């Protein structure tokens, strides 16, 4: 049994050692959002599940979930009941869907700014943790955007709710942020 566990551990280390590192791009990621992400975020702090949990437990950081929300299909037959897929996330997180695309509309940017302002009480130095799922560029793009907008204590949690759940940290169903977008 010990030999099997050691062999599995060696294989895992060998796979990670051979894994290709993803360079941090000079601009937003515009496509293939569900793919390996870089290990860095210039200007921000990258955290793993344990660090993210410590920030969450301290209550000092705002957690911002940027998981996209699929739109209601336009071609549904009349009378069809549409139910949004529930988002299971980190307790207390603010879900701000669709703000992590590489290019976002002005109304989406205003929606994101409104959510960040609400989460930080208007303080650009208030710690924020941005996340989505593992290997999802949405959270990297959103964290980069927050940095560009002048937020100074930006944490990026690239493992997102997948990594959080693997550590058996609590999860709960959350609803999208419904704040009114600010005019720019």
Protein backbone atom coordinates (compact mmCIF):
# COMPACT_ATOMS: atom_id res chain seq x y z
CA UNK A 1 0.00 0.00 0.00
CA UNK A 2 2.80 2.42 0.88
CA UNK A 3 4.55 1.63 -2.42
CA UNK A 4 1.33 2.45 -4.32
CA UNK A 5 0.95 5.77 -2.48
CA UNK A 6 4.59 6.68 -3.10
CA UNK A 7 4.27 5.78 -6.78
CA UNK A 8 1.12 7.92 -7.09
CA UNK A 9 2.84 10.85 -5.36
CA UNK A 10 5.88 10.52 -7.64
CA UNK A 11 3.66 10.41 -10.73
CA UNK A 12 1.81 13.55 -9.62
CA UNK A 13 5.08 15.42 -9.01
CA UNK A 14 6.47 14.23 -12.35
CA UNK A 15 3.31 15.35 -14.18
CA UNK A 16 3.47 18.81 -12.59
CA UNK A 17 7.20 19.12 -13.28
CA UNK A 18 6.56 18.38 -16.95
CA UNK A 19 3.58 20.69 -17.18
CA UNK A 20 4.07 23.72 -19.34
CA UNK A 21 3.93 27.04 -17.53
CA UNK A 22 1.56 29.63 -18.91
CA UNK A 23 3.12 33.07 -19.34
CA UNK A 24 1.23 36.06 -18.04
CA UNK A 25 -0.15 37.93 -21.07
CA UNK A 26 0.36 41.65 -21.61
CA UNK A 27 -3.38 42.21 -22.06
CA UNK A 28 -6.72 40.57 -21.24
CA UNK A 29 -7.40 37.01 -22.31
CA UNK A 30 -9.98 37.21 -25.11
CA UNK A 31 -10.86 33.55 -25.78
CA UNK A 32 -10.47 29.98 -24.52
CA UNK A 33 -11.39 31.09 -21.01
CA UNK A 34 -11.38 27.54 -19.61
CA UNK A 35 -7.72 26.66 -20.04
CA UNK A 36 -4.56 26.70 -17.93
CA UNK A 37 -3.84 30.07 -16.34
CA UNK A 38 -0.56 31.76 -15.36
CA UNK A 39 0.84 31.45 -11.85
CA UNK A 40 1.18 35.23 -11.58
CA UNK A 41 -0.83 38.44 -11.70
CA UNK A 42 1.34 41.54 -12.00
CA UNK A 43 0.37 43.99 -9.26
CA UNK A 44 -1.79 41.45 -7.41
CA UNK A 45 -1.24 38.63 -4.96
CA UNK A 46 -1.93 35.04 -6.00
CA UNK A 47 -3.38 32.89 -3.22
CA UNK A 48 -4.14 29.20 -2.88
CA UNK A 49 -7.01 27.60 -0.95
CA UNK A 50 -5.35 27.87 2.46
CA UNK A 51 -4.47 31.55 2.06
CA UNK A 52 -7.90 32.31 0.61
CA UNK A 53 -9.56 30.53 3.53
CA UNK A 54 -7.46 32.53 6.03
CA UNK A 55 -8.57 35.78 4.33
CA UNK A 56 -12.19 34.58 4.37
CA UNK A 57 -12.01 33.52 8.03
CA UNK A 58 -10.54 36.89 9.01
CA UNK A 59 -13.55 38.69 7.52
CA UNK A 60 -11.21 41.42 6.30
CA UNK A 61 -11.46 40.73 2.55
CA UNK A 62 -14.39 40.94 0.14
CA UNK A 63 -14.81 37.81 -1.98
CA UNK A 64 -15.92 38.46 -5.55
CA UNK A 65 -17.10 35.51 -7.66
CA UNK A 66 -16.99 36.27 -11.40
CA UNK A 67 -18.38 32.98 -12.72
CA UNK A 68 -20.35 33.73 -15.91
CA UNK A 69 -24.09 33.20 -15.94
CA UNK A 70 -25.47 31.67 -19.13
CA UNK A 71 -28.17 33.80 -20.78
CA UNK A 72 -31.68 32.53 -21.33
CA UNK A 73 -31.74 31.04 -24.85
CA UNK A 74 -33.60 33.30 -27.27
CA UNK A 75 -35.18 30.42 -29.16
CA UNK A 76 -37.05 28.74 -26.30
CA UNK A 77 -40.59 27.77 -27.23
CA UNK A 78 -43.25 30.03 -25.72
CA UNK A 79 -44.28 28.88 -22.26
CA UNK A 80 -40.98 27.10 -21.56
CA UNK A 81 -39.87 27.53 -17.98
CA UNK A 82 -36.26 28.71 -17.71
CA UNK A 83 -34.31 28.15 -14.54
CA UNK A 84 -30.85 29.60 -14.11
CA UNK A 85 -28.20 27.13 -13.05
CA UNK A 86 -27.53 27.71 -9.34
CA UNK A 87 -24.09 29.02 -8.36
CA UNK A 88 -22.52 27.25 -5.41
CA UNK A 89 -19.78 29.47 -4.05
CA UNK A 90 -17.84 30.70 -1.05
CA UNK A 91 -20.20 31.87 1.73
CA UNK A 92 -20.60 35.63 1.74
CA UNK A 93 -19.13 36.08 -1.74
CA UNK A 94 -20.65 38.62 -4.09
CA UNK A 95 -21.44 37.01 -7.44
CA UNK A 96 -20.80 39.42 -10.29
CA UNK A 97 -21.33 37.28 -13.40
CA UNK A 98 -19.95 38.02 -16.85
CA UNK A 99 -17.40 40.68 -15.83
CA UNK A 100 -14.34 38.52 -16.55
CA UNK A 101 -14.48 38.47 -20.32
CA UNK A 102 -11.55 40.10 -22.09
CA UNK A 103 -13.74 42.84 -23.54
CA UNK A 104 -16.83 44.01 -21.68
CA UNK A 105 -19.53 46.50 -22.53
CA UNK A 106 -19.67 49.84 -20.71
CA UNK A 107 -22.81 48.74 -18.85
CA UNK A 108 -21.01 45.58 -17.69
CA UNK A 109 -18.00 47.61 -16.56
CA UNK A 110 -20.34 49.94 -14.65
CA UNK A 111 -22.02 46.89 -13.05
CA UNK A 112 -18.62 45.55 -11.99
CA UNK A 113 -17.49 48.94 -10.63
CA UNK A 114 -20.74 49.17 -8.65
CA UNK A 115 -20.18 45.72 -7.14
CA UNK A 116 -16.55 46.49 -6.26
CA UNK A 117 -17.57 49.81 -4.72
CA UNK A 118 -20.27 48.09 -2.65
CA UNK A 119 -17.91 45.30 -1.55
CA UNK A 120 -15.13 47.70 -0.52
CA UNK A 121 -17.28 50.51 0.89
CA UNK A 122 -15.64 52.72 -1.74
CA UNK A 123 -12.10 52.08 -0.48
CA UNK A 124 -9.60 51.17 -3.18
CA UNK A 125 -7.26 49.74 -0.52
CA UNK A 126 -9.87 47.30 0.88
CA UNK A 127 -8.71 43.69 0.23
CA UNK A 128 -10.65 41.87 -2.50
CA UNK A 129 -10.33 38.23 -3.53
CA UNK A 130 -11.41 37.49 -7.11
CA UNK A 131 -12.18 33.94 -8.19
CA UNK A 132 -14.20 31.69 -10.46
CA UNK A 133 -13.29 28.06 -11.19
CA UNK A 134 -9.95 26.36 -11.58
CA UNK A 135 -8.30 27.07 -14.93
CA UNK A 136 -10.67 29.92 -15.70
CA UNK A 137 -9.36 33.18 -17.14
CA UNK A 138 -12.48 35.07 -16.06
CA UNK A 139 -11.05 35.66 -12.58
CA UNK A 140 -7.61 36.61 -13.94
CA UNK A 141 -9.19 39.18 -16.29
CA UNK A 142 -11.43 40.54 -13.51
CA UNK A 143 -8.51 40.85 -11.08
CA UNK A 144 -6.43 42.61 -13.73
CA UNK A 145 -9.34 44.99 -14.41
CA UNK A 146 -9.67 45.80 -10.69
CA UNK A 147 -5.94 46.58 -10.57
CA UNK A 148 -6.25 48.86 -13.61
CA UNK A 149 -9.13 50.66 -11.89
CA UNK A 150 -6.86 51.49 -8.96
CA UNK A 151 -7.64 48.76 -6.42
CA UNK A 152 -4.45 48.19 -4.47
CA UNK A 153 -5.11 45.06 -2.41
CA UNK A 154 -6.16 42.56 -5.07
CA UNK A 155 -5.90 38.85 -4.39
CA UNK A 156 -6.43 36.37 -7.21
CA UNK A 157 -7.54 32.87 -6.23
CA UNK A 158 -7.01 30.84 -9.44
CA UNK A 159 -8.28 27.55 -8.02
CA UNK A 160 -11.61 29.18 -7.23
CA UNK A 161 -14.52 27.19 -5.90
CA UNK A 162 -13.02 23.97 -7.29
CA UNK A 163 -9.96 24.31 -5.04
CA UNK A 164 -12.05 25.62 -2.15
CA UNK A 165 -14.30 22.56 -2.33
CA UNK A 166 -11.35 20.16 -2.54
CA UNK A 167 -10.19 21.47 0.83
CA UNK A 168 -13.70 20.79 2.14
CA UNK A 169 -14.27 24.44 2.99
CA UNK A 170 -17.92 25.52 3.19
CA UNK A 171 -19.90 26.34 0.07
CA UNK A 172 -23.39 27.78 -0.35
CA UNK A 173 -25.76 28.86 -3.06
CA UNK A 174 -25.46 32.54 -3.95
CA UNK A 175 -27.43 34.88 -6.20
CA UNK A 176 -26.06 37.46 -8.66
CA UNK A 177 -25.34 40.98 -7.44
CA UNK A 178 -28.26 43.19 -8.43
CA UNK A 179 -26.79 46.63 -7.79
CA UNK A 180 -27.58 49.42 -10.18
CA UNK A 181 -24.75 50.16 -12.62
CA UNK A 182 -23.08 53.50 -12.12
CA UNK A 183 -22.75 55.87 -15.04
CA UNK A 184 -19.20 56.46 -16.11
